[in-house]
C-alpha atoms as a PDB file:
ATOM      1  CA  UNK A   1      16.169  -1.152   1.010  1.00  0.00           C
ATOM      2  CA  UNK A   2      15.917   1.693   3.403  1.00  0.00           C
ATOM      3  CA  UNK A   3      18.035   2.589   6.381  1.00  0.00           C
ATOM      4  CA  UNK A   4      15.858   3.535   9.346  1.00  0.00           C
ATOM      5  CA  UNK A   5      16.805   4.968  12.705  1.00  0.00           C
ATOM      6  CA  UNK A   6      14.986   5.149  16.093  1.00  0.00           C
ATOM      7  CA  UNK A   7      15.953   8.010  18.422  1.00  0.00           C
ATOM      8  CA  UNK A   8      15.866   7.217  22.170  1.00  0.00           C
ATOM      9  CA  UNK A   9      15.471  10.179  24.516  1.00  0.00           C
ATOM     10  CA  UNK A  10      15.050  11.228  28.181  1.00  0.00           C
ATOM     11  CA  UNK A  11      12.692  14.183  27.324  1.00  0.00           C
ATOM     12  CA  UNK A  12      12.497  17.010  29.911  1.00  0.00           C
ATOM     13  CA  UNK A  13       9.755  19.342  30.927  1.00  0.00           C
ATOM     14  CA  UNK A  14      10.559  22.213  28.424  1.00  0.00           C
ATOM     15  CA  UNK A  15       9.927  22.084  24.709  1.00  0.00           C
ATOM     16  CA  UNK A  16      12.972  23.966  23.341  1.00  0.00           C
ATOM     17  CA  UNK A  17      15.798  21.960  25.035  1.00  0.00           C
ATOM     18  CA  UNK A  18      13.912  18.734  24.393  1.00  0.00           C
ATOM     19  CA  UNK A  19      13.648  19.605  20.590  1.00  0.00           C
ATOM     20  CA  UNK A  20      17.273  20.480  20.539  1.00  0.00           C
ATOM     21  CA  UNK A  21      18.354  17.141  22.061  1.00  0.00           C
ATOM     22  CA  UNK A  22      16.083  15.216  19.564  1.00  0.00           C
ATOM     23  CA  UNK A  23      17.602  17.200  16.733  1.00  0.00           C
ATOM     24  CA  UNK A  24      21.077  16.300  17.761  1.00  0.00           C
ATOM     25  CA  UNK A  25      20.246  12.619  17.568  1.00  0.00           C
ATOM     26  CA  UNK A  26      18.388  12.930  14.232  1.00  0.00           C
ATOM     27  CA  UNK A  27      21.403  14.689  12.730  1.00  0.00           C
ATOM     28  CA  UNK A  28      23.737  11.940  13.998  1.00  0.00           C
ATOM     29  CA  UNK A  29      21.500   9.306  12.487  1.00  0.00           C
ATOM     30  CA  UNK A  30      21.395  11.130   9.148  1.00  0.00           C
ATOM     31  CA  UNK A  31      25.158  11.308   9.237  1.00  0.00           C
ATOM     32  CA  UNK A  32      25.025   7.508   9.564  1.00  0.00           C
ATOM     33  CA  UNK A  33      22.911   7.224   6.351  1.00  0.00           C
ATOM     34  CA  UNK A  34      19.385   7.033   7.835  1.00  0.00           C
ATOM     35  CA  UNK A  35      16.601   8.054   5.447  1.00  0.00           C
ATOM     36  CA  UNK A  36      13.633   7.376   7.729  1.00  0.00           C
ATOM     37  CA  UNK A  37      13.799   8.331  11.432  1.00  0.00           C
ATOM     38  CA  UNK A  38      11.383   7.869  14.271  1.00  0.00           C
ATOM     39  CA  UNK A  39      11.236   9.499  17.624  1.00  0.00           C
ATOM     40  CA  UNK A  40       9.460   8.422  20.939  1.00  0.00           C
ATOM     41  CA  UNK A  41       6.129   9.366  22.414  1.00  0.00           C
ATOM     42  CA  UNK A  42       6.086  12.767  23.943  1.00  0.00           C
ATOM     43  CA  UNK A  43       9.155  13.790  22.025  1.00  0.00           C
ATOM     44  CA  UNK A  44       9.255  17.433  22.998  1.00  0.00           C
ATOM     45  CA  UNK A  45       7.766  17.555  26.516  1.00  0.00           C
ATOM     46  CA  UNK A  46       7.385  15.163  29.455  1.00  0.00           C
ATOM     47  CA  UNK A  47       5.291  17.136  31.948  1.00  0.00           C
ATOM     48  CA  UNK A  48       2.922  15.513  34.403  1.00  0.00           C
ATOM     49  CA  UNK A  49       1.474  18.530  36.171  1.00  0.00           C
ATOM     50  CA  UNK A  50      -1.935  19.369  34.640  1.00  0.00           C
ATOM     51  CA  UNK A  51      -1.706  23.081  35.004  1.00  0.00           C
ATOM     52  CA  UNK A  52       1.812  23.343  33.660  1.00  0.00           C
ATOM     53  CA  UNK A  53       1.307  21.083  30.634  1.00  0.00           C
ATOM     54  CA  UNK A  54      -1.738  22.964  29.574  1.00  0.00           C
ATOM     55  CA  UNK A  55       0.158  26.205  29.884  1.00  0.00           C
ATOM     56  CA  UNK A  56       3.115  24.900  27.914  1.00  0.00           C
ATOM     57  CA  UNK A  57       1.193  23.042  25.170  1.00  0.00           C
ATOM     58  CA  UNK A  58       0.436  24.729  21.781  1.00  0.00           C
ATOM     59  CA  UNK A  59      -2.202  24.259  19.172  1.00  0.00           C
ATOM     60  CA  UNK A  60      -0.842  22.433  16.229  1.00  0.00           C
ATOM     61  CA  UNK A  61      -0.536  25.499  13.890  1.00  0.00           C
ATOM     62  CA  UNK A  62       1.585  27.238  16.536  1.00  0.00           C
ATOM     63  CA  UNK A  63       3.565  24.359  17.985  1.00  0.00           C
ATOM     64  CA  UNK A  64       7.333  25.277  17.809  1.00  0.00           C
ATOM     65  CA  UNK A  65       8.448  21.686  17.915  1.00  0.00           C
ATOM     66  CA  UNK A  66       6.461  20.618  15.012  1.00  0.00           C
ATOM     67  CA  UNK A  67       7.722  23.596  12.987  1.00  0.00           C
ATOM     68  CA  UNK A  68      11.367  22.799  14.016  1.00  0.00           C
ATOM     69  CA  UNK A  69      10.980  19.102  12.920  1.00  0.00           C
ATOM     70  CA  UNK A  70       9.325  20.080   9.643  1.00  0.00           C
ATOM     71  CA  UNK A  71      12.185  22.456   8.851  1.00  0.00           C
ATOM     72  CA  UNK A  72      14.665  19.761   9.849  1.00  0.00           C
ATOM     73  CA  UNK A  73      13.180  17.156   7.559  1.00  0.00           C
ATOM     74  CA  UNK A  74      13.235  19.671   4.628  1.00  0.00           C
ATOM     75  CA  UNK A  75      16.877  20.684   5.367  1.00  0.00           C
ATOM     76  CA  UNK A  76      18.117  17.065   5.597  1.00  0.00           C
ATOM     77  CA  UNK A  77      15.880  15.653   2.871  1.00  0.00           C
ATOM     78  CA  UNK A  78      14.586  12.783   4.986  1.00  0.00           C
ATOM     79  CA  UNK A  79      11.238  11.427   6.349  1.00  0.00           C
ATOM     80  CA  UNK A  80      10.647  11.949  10.098  1.00  0.00           C
ATOM     81  CA  UNK A  81       8.070  10.178  12.173  1.00  0.00           C
ATOM     82  CA  UNK A  82       7.546  12.150  15.349  1.00  0.00           C
ATOM     83  CA  UNK A  83       6.358   9.499  17.737  1.00  0.00           C
ATOM     84  CA  UNK A  84       4.017  12.050  19.443  1.00  0.00           C
ATOM     85  CA  UNK A  85       3.847  15.672  20.545  1.00  0.00           C
ATOM     86  CA  UNK A  86       1.535  17.025  23.228  1.00  0.00           C
ATOM     87  CA  UNK A  87      -0.883  19.149  21.228  1.00  0.00           C
ATOM     88  CA  UNK A  88      -3.594  21.469  22.649  1.00  0.00           C
ATOM     89  CA  UNK A  89      -6.945  20.917  21.123  1.00  0.00           C
ATOM     90  CA  UNK A  90      -9.004  23.041  23.662  1.00  0.00           C
ATOM     91  CA  UNK A  91      -8.221  25.209  26.613  1.00  0.00           C
ATOM     92  CA  UNK A  92      -8.592  22.300  28.867  1.00  0.00           C
ATOM     93  CA  UNK A  93      -7.846  19.250  26.593  1.00  0.00           C
ATOM     94  CA  UNK A  94      -4.886  17.802  24.768  1.00  0.00           C
ATOM     95  CA  UNK A  95      -4.139  15.233  22.092  1.00  0.00           C
ATOM     96  CA  UNK A  96      -1.232  12.786  22.123  1.00  0.00           C
ATOM     97  CA  UNK A  97      -0.533  13.157  18.437  1.00  0.00           C
ATOM     98  CA  UNK A  98       2.082  11.620  16.148  1.00  0.00           C
ATOM     99  CA  UNK A  99       3.191  13.231  12.814  1.00  0.00           C
ATOM    100  CA  UNK A 100       4.617  11.712   9.677  1.00  0.00           C
ATOM    101  CA  UNK A 101       6.735  14.424   7.904  1.00  0.00           C
ATOM    102  CA  UNK A 102       8.115  13.985   4.363  1.00  0.00           C
ATOM    103  CA  UNK A 103      11.393  15.024   2.974  1.00  0.00           C
ATOM    104  CA  UNK A 104       9.908  18.376   1.955  1.00  0.00           C
ATOM    105  CA  UNK A 105       8.802  19.181   5.430  1.00  0.00           C
ATOM    106  CA  UNK A 106       5.124  18.506   4.815  1.00  0.00           C
ATOM    107  CA  UNK A 107       2.924  16.695   7.359  1.00  0.00           C
ATOM    108  CA  UNK A 108       1.594  13.732   5.332  1.00  0.00           C
ATOM    109  CA  UNK A 109      -0.294  11.960   8.193  1.00  0.00           C
ATOM    110  CA  UNK A 110      -1.453  12.507  11.804  1.00  0.00           C
ATOM    111  CA  UNK A 111      -2.557  10.030  14.394  1.00  0.00           C
ATOM    112  CA  UNK A 112      -4.091  10.599  17.773  1.00  0.00           C
ATOM    113  CA  UNK A 113      -3.636   7.937  20.358  1.00  0.00           C
ATOM    114  CA  UNK A 114      -6.662   5.792  20.469  1.00  0.00           C
ATOM    115  CA  UNK A 115      -6.207   3.839  23.746  1.00  0.00           C
ATOM    116  CA  UNK A 116      -5.563   6.021  26.776  1.00  0.00           C
ATOM    117  CA  UNK A 117      -3.540   4.701  29.777  1.00  0.00           C
ATOM    118  CA  UNK A 118      -5.727   4.840  32.835  1.00  0.00           C
ATOM    119  CA  UNK A 119      -4.293   2.533  35.454  1.00  0.00           C
ATOM    120  CA  UNK A 120      -3.240   1.990  39.067  1.00  0.00           C
ATOM    121  CA  UNK A 121       0.184   0.324  39.059  1.00  0.00           C
ATOM    122  CA  UNK A 122       0.460   0.123  42.831  1.00  0.00           C
ATOM    123  CA  UNK A 123       2.937   1.760  45.183  1.00  0.00           C
ATOM    124  CA  UNK A 124       1.194   5.097  44.486  1.00  0.00           C
ATOM    125  CA  UNK A 125       1.858   5.102  40.748  1.00  0.00           C
ATOM    126  CA  UNK A 126      -1.274   6.122  38.966  1.00  0.00           C
ATOM    127  CA  UNK A 127      -1.953   7.239  35.395  1.00  0.00           C
ATOM    128  CA  UNK A 128      -5.197   8.916  34.137  1.00  0.00           C
ATOM    129  CA  UNK A 129      -4.524   9.984  30.597  1.00  0.00           C
ATOM    130  CA  UNK A 130      -8.286  10.374  29.882  1.00  0.00           C
ATOM    131  CA  UNK A 131      -8.432  13.144  32.488  1.00  0.00           C
ATOM    132  CA  UNK A 132      -6.433  15.469  30.205  1.00  0.00           C
ATOM    133  CA  UNK A 133      -6.294  13.888  26.806  1.00  0.00           C
ATOM    134  CA  UNK A 134      -8.851  13.213  24.201  1.00  0.00           C
ATOM    135  CA  UNK A 135      -8.693   9.764  22.617  1.00  0.00           C
ATOM    136  CA  UNK A 136      -8.408   9.364  18.852  1.00  0.00           C
ATOM    137  CA  UNK A 137     -11.005   7.400  16.944  1.00  0.00           C
ATOM    138  CA  UNK A 138      -9.186   6.749  13.697  1.00  0.00           C
ATOM    139  CA  UNK A 139      -6.576   4.209  12.765  1.00  0.00           C
ATOM    140  CA  UNK A 140      -4.170   5.765  10.238  1.00  0.00           C
ATOM    141  CA  UNK A 141      -2.242   4.189   7.465  1.00  0.00           C
ATOM    142  CA  UNK A 142       0.110   6.379   5.339  1.00  0.00           C
ATOM    143  CA  UNK A 143       1.929   5.999   2.115  1.00  0.00           C
ATOM    144  CA  UNK A 144       5.778   6.399   2.016  1.00  0.00           C
ATOM    145  CA  UNK A 145       8.364   5.698  -0.654  1.00  0.00           C
ATOM    146  CA  UNK A 146       8.962   2.378   0.989  1.00  0.00           C
ATOM    147  CA  UNK A 147       5.338   1.243   1.262  1.00  0.00           C
ATOM    148  CA  UNK A 148       2.374   1.742   3.645  1.00  0.00           C
ATOM    149  CA  UNK A 149       3.074   2.562   7.379  1.00  0.00           C
ATOM    150  CA  UNK A 150       0.582   1.949  10.203  1.00  0.00           C
ATOM    151  CA  UNK A 151       0.651   4.496  12.974  1.00  0.00           C
ATOM    152  CA  UNK A 152       0.100   3.800  16.761  1.00  0.00           C
ATOM    153  CA  UNK A 153       1.305   5.065  20.178  1.00  0.00           C
ATOM    154  CA  UNK A 154       2.458   3.249  23.310  1.00  0.00           C
ATOM    155  CA  UNK A 155      -0.576   1.751  25.067  1.00  0.00           C
ATOM    156  CA  UNK A 156      -2.159   0.879  21.675  1.00  0.00           C
ATOM    157  CA  UNK A 157       0.441  -1.899  21.679  1.00  0.00           C
ATOM    158  CA  UNK A 158      -1.877  -3.994  23.889  1.00  0.00           C
ATOM    159  CA  UNK A 159      -4.804  -4.030  21.439  1.00  0.00           C
ATOM    160  CA  UNK A 160      -3.887  -6.489  18.708  1.00  0.00           C
ATOM    161  CA  UNK A 161      -7.053  -5.896  16.676  1.00  0.00           C
ATOM    162  CA  UNK A 162      -5.625  -2.502  15.655  1.00  0.00           C
ATOM    163  CA  UNK A 163      -2.517  -4.103  14.196  1.00  0.00           C
ATOM    164  CA  UNK A 164      -4.484  -6.841  12.484  1.00  0.00           C
ATOM    165  CA  UNK A 165      -6.267  -4.132  10.561  1.00  0.00           C
ATOM    166  CA  UNK A 166      -2.994  -2.561   9.558  1.00  0.00           C
ATOM    167  CA  UNK A 167      -1.691  -5.902   8.289  1.00  0.00           C
ATOM    168  CA  UNK A 168      -4.881  -6.534   6.352  1.00  0.00           C
ATOM    169  CA  UNK A 169      -4.581  -3.074   4.880  1.00  0.00           C
ATOM    170  CA  UNK A 170      -1.132  -3.763   3.541  1.00  0.00           C
ATOM    171  CA  UNK A 171       1.113  -2.025   6.068  1.00  0.00           C
ATOM    172  CA  UNK A 172       4.741  -3.075   5.647  1.00  0.00           C
ATOM    173  CA  UNK A 173       6.003  -1.105   8.619  1.00  0.00           C
ATOM    174  CA  UNK A 174       4.172  -0.471  11.887  1.00  0.00           C
ATOM    175  CA  UNK A 175       5.228   2.392  14.170  1.00  0.00           C
ATOM    176  CA  UNK A 176       4.783   2.001  18.052  1.00  0.00           C
ATOM    177  CA  UNK A 177       6.630   4.916  19.741  1.00  0.00           C
ATOM    178  CA  UNK A 178       6.337   4.676  23.517  1.00  0.00           C
ATOM    179  CA  UNK A 179       7.180   5.922  27.002  1.00  0.00           C
ATOM    180  CA  UNK A 180       6.697   2.608  28.770  1.00  0.00           C
ATOM    181  CA  UNK A 181       7.062   2.369  32.491  1.00  0.00           C
ATOM    182  CA  UNK A 182       9.933   0.260  33.904  1.00  0.00           C
ATOM    183  CA  UNK A 183       7.820  -2.505  35.481  1.00  0.00           C
ATOM    184  CA  UNK A 184       5.616  -3.028  32.491  1.00  0.00           C
ATOM    185  CA  UNK A 185       8.497  -2.650  30.146  1.00  0.00           C
ATOM    186  CA  UNK A 186      10.483  -5.355  31.813  1.00  0.00           C
ATOM    187  CA  UNK A 187       7.587  -7.665  31.867  1.00  0.00           C
ATOM    188  CA  UNK A 188       5.923  -7.057  28.479  1.00  0.00           C
ATOM    189  CA  UNK A 189       7.690  -4.732  26.106  1.00  0.00           C
ATOM    190  CA  UNK A 190       9.745  -7.258  24.033  1.00  0.00           C
ATOM    191  CA  UNK A 191       7.052  -9.864  24.012  1.00  0.00           C
ATOM    192  CA  UNK A 192       4.316  -7.598  22.837  1.00  0.00           C
ATOM    193  CA  UNK A 193       6.290  -6.005  20.148  1.00  0.00           C
ATOM    194  CA  UNK A 194       7.465  -9.271  18.803  1.00  0.00           C
ATOM    195  CA  UNK A 195       3.780 -10.609  18.781  1.00  0.00           C
ATOM    196  CA  UNK A 196       2.783  -7.452  16.790  1.00  0.00           C
ATOM    197  CA  UNK A 197       5.455  -8.146  14.187  1.00  0.00           C
ATOM    198  CA  UNK A 198       4.697 -11.825  13.969  1.00  0.00           C
ATOM    199  CA  UNK A 199       0.815 -11.532  13.691  1.00  0.00           C
ATOM    200  CA  UNK A 200       1.054  -8.856  10.921  1.00  0.00           C
ATOM    201  CA  UNK A 201       4.191 -10.073   9.042  1.00  0.00           C
ATOM    202  CA  UNK A 202       5.428  -6.474   9.152  1.00  0.00           C
ATOM    203  CA  UNK A 203       8.513  -4.660  10.418  1.00  0.00           C
ATOM    204  CA  UNK A 204       7.901  -2.961  13.862  1.00  0.00           C
ATOM    205  CA  UNK A 205       9.677   0.293  14.664  1.00  0.00           C
ATOM    206  CA  UNK A 206       9.298   1.221  18.336  1.00  0.00           C
ATOM    207  CA  UNK A 207      11.291   4.348  19.427  1.00  0.00           C
ATOM    208  CA  UNK A 208      11.150   4.726  23.211  1.00  0.00           C
ATOM    209  CA  UNK A 209      11.797   7.073  26.086  1.00  0.00           C
ATOM    210  CA  UNK A 210      14.415   6.053  28.600  1.00  0.00           C
ATOM    211  CA  UNK A 211      15.682   6.829  32.060  1.00  0.00           C
ATOM    212  CA  UNK A 212      14.834   9.111  34.850  1.00  0.00           C
ATOM    213  CA  UNK A 213      12.955  12.280  33.674  1.00  0.00           C
ATOM    214  CA  UNK A 214      12.730  15.632  35.411  1.00  0.00           C
ATOM    215  CA  UNK A 215       9.259  14.802  36.543  1.00  0.00           C
ATOM    216  CA  UNK A 216      10.479  11.819  38.518  1.00  0.00           C
ATOM    217  CA  UNK A 217       8.990   9.360  36.053  1.00  0.00           C
ATOM    218  CA  UNK A 218      11.329   6.531  34.957  1.00  0.00           C
ATOM    219  CA  UNK A 219      10.851   4.912  31.415  1.00  0.00           C
ATOM    220  CA  UNK A 220      12.179   1.619  30.162  1.00  0.00           C
ATOM    221  CA  UNK A 221      14.033   2.478  26.974  1.00  0.00           C
ATOM    222  CA  UNK A 222      14.891  -0.443  24.673  1.00  0.00           C
ATOM    223  CA  UNK A 223      13.866   1.088  21.412  1.00  0.00           C
ATOM    224  CA  UNK A 224      13.366  -1.922  19.093  1.00  0.00           C
ATOM    225  CA  UNK A 225      13.580  -2.694  15.393  1.00  0.00           C
ATOM    226  CA  UNK A 226      11.836  -6.074  14.808  1.00  0.00           C
ATOM    227  CA  UNK A 227      11.671  -7.893  11.493  1.00  0.00           C
ATOM    228  CA  UNK A 228       8.408  -9.604  10.092  1.00  0.00           C
ATOM    229  CA  UNK A 229       9.495 -12.975  11.608  1.00  0.00           C
ATOM    230  CA  UNK A 230       9.708 -11.455  15.074  1.00  0.00           C
ATOM    231  CA  UNK A 231      13.485 -11.263  15.293  1.00  0.00           C
ATOM    232  CA  UNK A 232      15.010  -8.216  17.141  1.00  0.00           C
ATOM    233  CA  UNK A 233      17.193  -6.449  14.593  1.00  0.00           C
ATOM    234  CA  UNK A 234      18.409  -3.744  17.008  1.00  0.00           C
ATOM    235  CA  UNK A 235      17.830  -2.916  20.697  1.00  0.00           C
ATOM    236  CA  UNK A 236      18.567   0.583  22.070  1.00  0.00           C
ATOM    237  CA  UNK A 237      19.233  -0.582  25.594  1.00  0.00           C
ATOM    238  CA  UNK A 238      18.882   2.053  28.234  1.00  0.00           C
ATOM    239  CA  UNK A 239      20.987   4.890  26.922  1.00  0.00           C
ATOM    240  CA  UNK A 240      20.085   8.068  25.079  1.00  0.00           C
ATOM    241  CA  UNK A 241      21.101   7.805  21.442  1.00  0.00           C
ATOM    242  CA  UNK A 242      19.845   6.065  18.357  1.00  0.00           C
ATOM    243  CA  UNK A 243      19.767   2.544  16.772  1.00  0.00           C
ATOM    244  CA  UNK A 244      19.635   1.978  12.977  1.00  0.00           C
ATOM    245  CA  UNK A 245      19.146  -0.906  10.495  1.00  0.00           C
ATOM    246  CA  UNK A 246      18.826  -1.525   6.804  1.00  0.00           C
ATOM    247  CA  UNK A 247      15.392  -2.893   6.015  1.00  0.00           C
ATOM    248  CA  UNK A 248      14.650  -4.929   3.043  1.00  0.00           C
ATOM    249  CA  UNK A 249      10.867  -4.509   2.613  1.00  0.00           C
ATOM    250  CA  UNK A 250      10.718  -7.609   0.392  1.00  0.00           C
ATOM    251  CA  UNK A 251      11.045  -9.565   3.626  1.00  0.00           C
ATOM    252  CA  UNK A 252       7.346  -8.584   4.382  1.00  0.00           C
ATOM    253  CA  UNK A 253       6.116 -10.196   1.211  1.00  0.00           C
ATOM    254  CA  UNK A 254       8.367 -13.308   1.811  1.00  0.00           C
ATOM    255  CA  UNK A 255       7.066 -13.601   5.417  1.00  0.00           C
ATOM    256  CA  UNK A 256       3.453 -13.295   4.519  1.00  0.00           C
ATOM    257  CA  UNK A 257       3.763 -16.003   1.816  1.00  0.00           C
ATOM    258  CA  UNK A 258       5.651 -18.218   4.296  1.00  0.00           C
ATOM    259  CA  UNK A 259       3.076 -17.636   7.041  1.00  0.00           C
ATOM    260  CA  UNK A 260      -0.168 -16.433   5.349  1.00  0.00           C
ATOM    261  CA  UNK A 261      -2.261 -16.045   8.443  1.00  0.00           C
ATOM    262  CA  UNK A 262      -3.575 -12.625   7.291  1.00  0.00           C
ATOM    263  CA  UNK A 263      -5.231 -14.373   4.338  1.00  0.00           C
ATOM    264  CA  UNK A 264      -6.694 -17.129   6.517  1.00  0.00           C
ATOM    265  CA  UNK A 265      -8.778 -15.022   8.840  1.00  0.00           C
ATOM    266  CA  UNK A 266     -12.294 -16.065   8.881  1.00  0.00           C
ATOM    267  CA  UNK A 267     -15.478 -14.630  10.416  1.00  0.00           C
ATOM    268  CA  UNK A 268     -16.931 -16.660  13.284  1.00  0.00           C
ATOM    269  CA  UNK A 269     -19.660 -16.627  15.948  1.00  0.00           C
ATOM    270  CA  UNK A 270     -18.893 -16.556  19.638  1.00  0.00           C
ATOM    271  CA  UNK A 271     -21.173 -19.143  21.335  1.00  0.00           C
ATOM    272  CA  UNK A 272     -21.722 -19.463  25.051  1.00  0.00           C
ATOM    273  CA  UNK A 273     -21.778 -23.295  25.614  1.00  0.00           C
ATOM    274  CA  UNK A 274     -23.195 -23.029  29.020  1.00  0.00           C
ATOM    275  CA  UNK A 275     -26.395 -21.221  27.963  1.00  0.00           C
END
């Protein structure tokens, strides 16, 4: 059994105040008994202007937010999954990178977002992550005291093959931190997250950004804890704060025995019947 908590934020444009707000919620969750805490995508900065974000971002070794969260994990003796930080990897390129930090403050795993959000949503709302960010090319599974954890970020949610691999690799918990837009969140967020839990037989932890940000962007919120059967255990709604739940990881084994679809996967050939 482990008590997990998901922190829900309305991250601003500046790193220091954003880290302070996240820290406040993490401390509150720890006071409530949480041992493993996850934060949303872009935890310490939500900046849409290319020039400004490149100026504000740091290389990993110098990132003040990462250092602060490492120190916090060590101080509190907890594991923290930072949904993602904007990390500079070149003078003109960034990575959207998540970090898994153990109770000693050590980074035990890193994951760069594989699928980048390039889309025109209409009404002038356009996103081109690939113009500024470098896509990751490695799925990452990490060991924790509670079992294996699969890492992903936001738009990855729409690519089920990634999660199938995590399920086959023995992931008991899958992390899907996000900053979903309001229209797509209303339409797809709950449905897709439930599907990822059901098809893998794993717990899904999805910490989310919420509300109207300083940039003018509006995010959907509704951080979700979902059990391996696809049931919503906790929903963060639209307010800043945190949600928590006690997870019995034995439910993963029970669910996979009850619905052994991971074991029943078979190779097949795609045939065009009209040719």
